[in-house]
Amino acid sequence: MIKSSEFTERLQKIINFYSESASSFAEKIGVQRSSISHILSGRNKPSLDFVMKVLHSYPEVDLYWLMNGKGNFPSDPKMINSSNARVTKDATHQKSSIELPVSKSNSDSEIEKIVIFYTDGTFKSYNP
């Protein structure tokens, strides 16, 4: 389960990292300014569509970091400019791939659901 307040902190970190205003951030990801305001204030929770738009517009944002705080931001340490901790203009337009963490599972555990997210914002869900 996503903790809304922690998600809000990570979203604010992304906005600050790129020195964006809430309005410019909303414009870049293609949502209304009020959507950003409602999420940052805790009034609304982010939708899957919202998360996918953030990931599409900012490929250096790691899905697992954004959703639950695990991992790193930015996902590629080469993108950090040491003088002001920002992504360079050239790096913001590069595509990156998401690597899924592999963990050892308990042999008694069973898979409940598998969800595959596509870059166009769609997804498929499989129940074994």
Protein backbone atom coordinates (compact mmCIF):
# COMPACT_ATOMS: atom_id res chain seq x y z
CA MET A 1 0.00 0.00 0.00
CA ILE A 2 1.28 3.43 -0.90
CA LYS A 3 1.51 5.94 1.92
CA SER A 4 0.13 9.14 0.45
CA SER A 5 2.24 11.47 2.60
CA GLU A 6 5.46 9.69 1.64
CA PHE A 7 4.49 9.68 -2.05
CA THR A 8 3.85 13.42 -1.75
CA GLU A 9 7.35 13.96 -0.30
CA ARG A 10 8.93 12.02 -3.18
CA LEU A 11 6.88 13.93 -5.76
CA GLN A 12 7.97 17.22 -4.17
CA LYS A 13 11.57 16.00 -4.29
CA ILE A 14 11.25 15.41 -8.05
CA ILE A 15 9.73 18.86 -8.58
CA ASN A 16 12.51 20.50 -6.53
CA PHE A 17 15.26 18.42 -8.17
CA TYR A 18 14.35 19.80 -11.59
CA SER A 19 13.71 23.30 -10.21
CA GLU A 20 10.15 23.16 -11.50
CA SER A 21 7.10 24.95 -10.20
CA ALA A 22 3.99 22.87 -9.67
CA SER A 23 2.52 24.53 -12.77
CA SER A 24 5.49 23.77 -15.02
CA PHE A 25 5.68 20.22 -13.70
CA ALA A 26 1.97 19.71 -14.43
CA GLU A 27 2.46 21.04 -17.95
CA LYS A 28 5.45 18.75 -18.60
CA ILE A 29 3.62 15.60 -17.56
CA GLY A 30 0.36 16.65 -19.19
CA VAL A 31 -2.01 17.07 -16.26
CA GLN A 32 -3.93 20.01 -14.86
CA ARG A 33 -2.25 22.19 -12.25
CA SER A 34 -5.04 21.35 -9.81
CA SER A 35 -4.11 17.64 -10.03
CA ILE A 36 -0.62 18.40 -8.73
CA SER A 37 -2.02 20.71 -6.05
CA HIS A 38 -4.52 18.10 -4.84
CA ILE A 39 -1.88 15.36 -4.67
CA LEU A 40 0.67 17.59 -2.90
CA SER A 41 -1.94 18.72 -0.37
CA GLY A 42 -2.97 15.12 0.33
CA ARG A 43 -6.54 15.69 -0.88
CA ASN A 44 -6.21 13.14 -3.70
CA LYS A 45 -4.11 10.05 -4.19
CA PRO A 46 -2.18 9.64 -7.44
CA SER A 47 -3.79 7.53 -10.14
CA LEU A 48 -1.95 4.94 -12.20
CA ASP A 49 -2.24 7.29 -15.17
CA PHE A 50 -0.59 10.09 -13.16
CA VAL A 51 2.31 7.83 -12.10
CA MET A 52 2.82 6.63 -15.68
CA LYS A 53 2.91 10.23 -16.94
CA VAL A 54 5.61 11.10 -14.40
CA LEU A 55 7.67 8.06 -15.41
CA HIS A 56 7.21 8.80 -19.12
CA SER A 57 8.21 12.46 -18.78
CA TYR A 58 11.07 11.79 -16.35
CA PRO A 59 12.57 8.39 -17.25
CA GLU A 60 15.28 8.77 -14.61
CA VAL A 61 12.60 8.46 -11.90
CA ASP A 62 12.54 4.88 -10.68
CA LEU A 63 9.06 3.37 -10.37
CA TYR A 64 9.82 1.57 -7.10
CA TRP A 65 11.39 4.65 -5.58
CA LEU A 66 8.39 6.78 -6.54
CA MET A 67 5.84 4.29 -5.29
CA ASN A 68 7.43 3.04 -2.07
CA GLY A 69 10.72 4.83 -1.51
CA LYS A 70 12.91 1.83 -2.34
CA GLY A 71 15.72 2.44 -4.78
CA ASN A 72 17.39 5.66 -5.81
CA PHE A 73 16.52 8.98 -7.34
CA PRO A 74 17.73 9.73 -9.89
CA SER A 75 18.13 6.11 -10.91
CA ASP A 76 21.36 6.87 -12.82
CA PRO A 77 24.00 8.56 -10.64
CA LYS A 78 25.72 9.89 -13.80
CA MET A 79 22.78 12.25 -14.28
CA ILE A 80 23.60 14.25 -11.17
CA ASN A 81 25.58 17.40 -11.84
CA SER A 82 27.85 17.72 -8.81
CA SER A 83 27.64 21.52 -8.70
CA ASN A 84 23.90 21.80 -8.15
CA ALA A 85 22.49 18.24 -8.03
CA ARG A 86 20.42 18.54 -11.21
CA VAL A 87 20.02 16.49 -14.33
CA THR A 88 21.72 17.99 -17.35
CA LYS A 89 19.54 19.07 -20.27
CA ASP A 90 20.87 16.30 -22.50
CA ALA A 91 20.24 13.64 -19.87
CA THR A 92 16.58 14.56 -19.42
CA HIS A 93 15.82 13.39 -22.96
CA GLN A 94 17.55 10.03 -22.71
CA LYS A 95 15.56 6.82 -22.41
CA SER A 96 16.35 4.50 -19.55
CA SER A 97 15.28 1.01 -18.73
CA ILE A 98 13.85 -0.07 -15.42
CA GLU A 99 15.61 -2.95 -13.76
CA LEU A 100 13.45 -4.98 -11.43
CA PRO A 101 14.97 -5.94 -8.11
CA VAL A 102 15.30 -9.64 -7.55
CA SER A 103 14.74 -10.95 -4.07
CA LYS A 104 14.72 -14.40 -2.62
CA SER A 105 11.22 -15.58 -1.92
CA ASN A 106 9.95 -17.80 0.79
CA SER A 107 9.26 -21.27 -0.63
CA ASP A 108 5.84 -21.16 1.06
CA SER A 109 4.87 -17.98 -0.79
CA GLU A 110 2.62 -18.03 -3.83
CA ILE A 111 2.27 -15.49 -6.60
CA GLU A 112 -0.96 -13.56 -6.19
CA LYS A 113 -0.84 -11.34 -9.28
CA ILE A 114 1.56 -10.24 -12.00
CA VAL A 115 1.15 -6.77 -13.50
CA ILE A 116 3.06 -5.58 -16.58
CA PHE A 117 3.18 -1.84 -17.28
CA TYR A 118 3.79 -0.62 -20.83
CA THR A 119 5.38 2.70 -21.83
CA ASP A 120 2.14 3.90 -23.42
CA GLY A 121 0.46 3.89 -20.00
CA THR A 122 -1.44 0.64 -20.45
CA PHE A 123 -0.97 -2.46 -18.38
CA LYS A 124 -1.94 -6.14 -18.22
CA SER A 125 -2.74 -8.05 -15.10
CA TYR A 126 -2.38 -11.81 -14.77
CA ASN A 127 -3.73 -13.97 -11.97
CA PRO A 128 -2.12 -17.44 -11.92
